[in-house]
Amino acid sequence: MTRIAIFLSVFASTLAAMIIMPILAPLIRAMGLSESQGGRMISIGSIVMAVTGAWWGAKSDHWGRKAVILAGFAGLCVSYAVYAVVIDLGLKGVLVGVPLLAALFAGRTFVGAFLPAAPAAIIAPLGSTLLYERAPACRSRWRLCCAPVLS
């Protein structure tokens, strides 16, 4: 039961992050921004996801898996609520131009910061276990890259 709950929660968080993608271009145009600005916004979120994923994995070793998963979901919930408010303000014309773009960048940055928490907390022990069991000589920062190959 626990594995199913973990799977469904990670699936839901990933779905929440990607569900906006098909409608993002029309939203960006409706707010008076260009597609390239929307692309930069998505790129910033993706870069932050890549940078913070390893940090969340390390924190899950220190704080515990459950705490990191819950912190990630709570942060993702708040981040998406703020992001939705910014989009709404942009569509209503309350925020326009550079302030709107800055708020969208900040919102996407926070989404990107919290999105990798749950997957990193779940994958971190897998990478460590596979590496230490199968390749004791490969104990380095690249263990998550090596572990899937060695399994």
Foldseek 3Di string as FASTA:
>chain_A
DVVVVLVVLLVVLVCVVCVCVVVQQVLCVLLVHHVVLVVVLLVLLQVLLVVQLVVLLVVCVVVNLVVQSVVLVVQLVVLVVQLVVLSVCSNVVVDHDPRSSVSSSVSSSSNSNSSNNSVSSVCSVQLVVQCVVFPVPPPDPCSSVVRVVRD
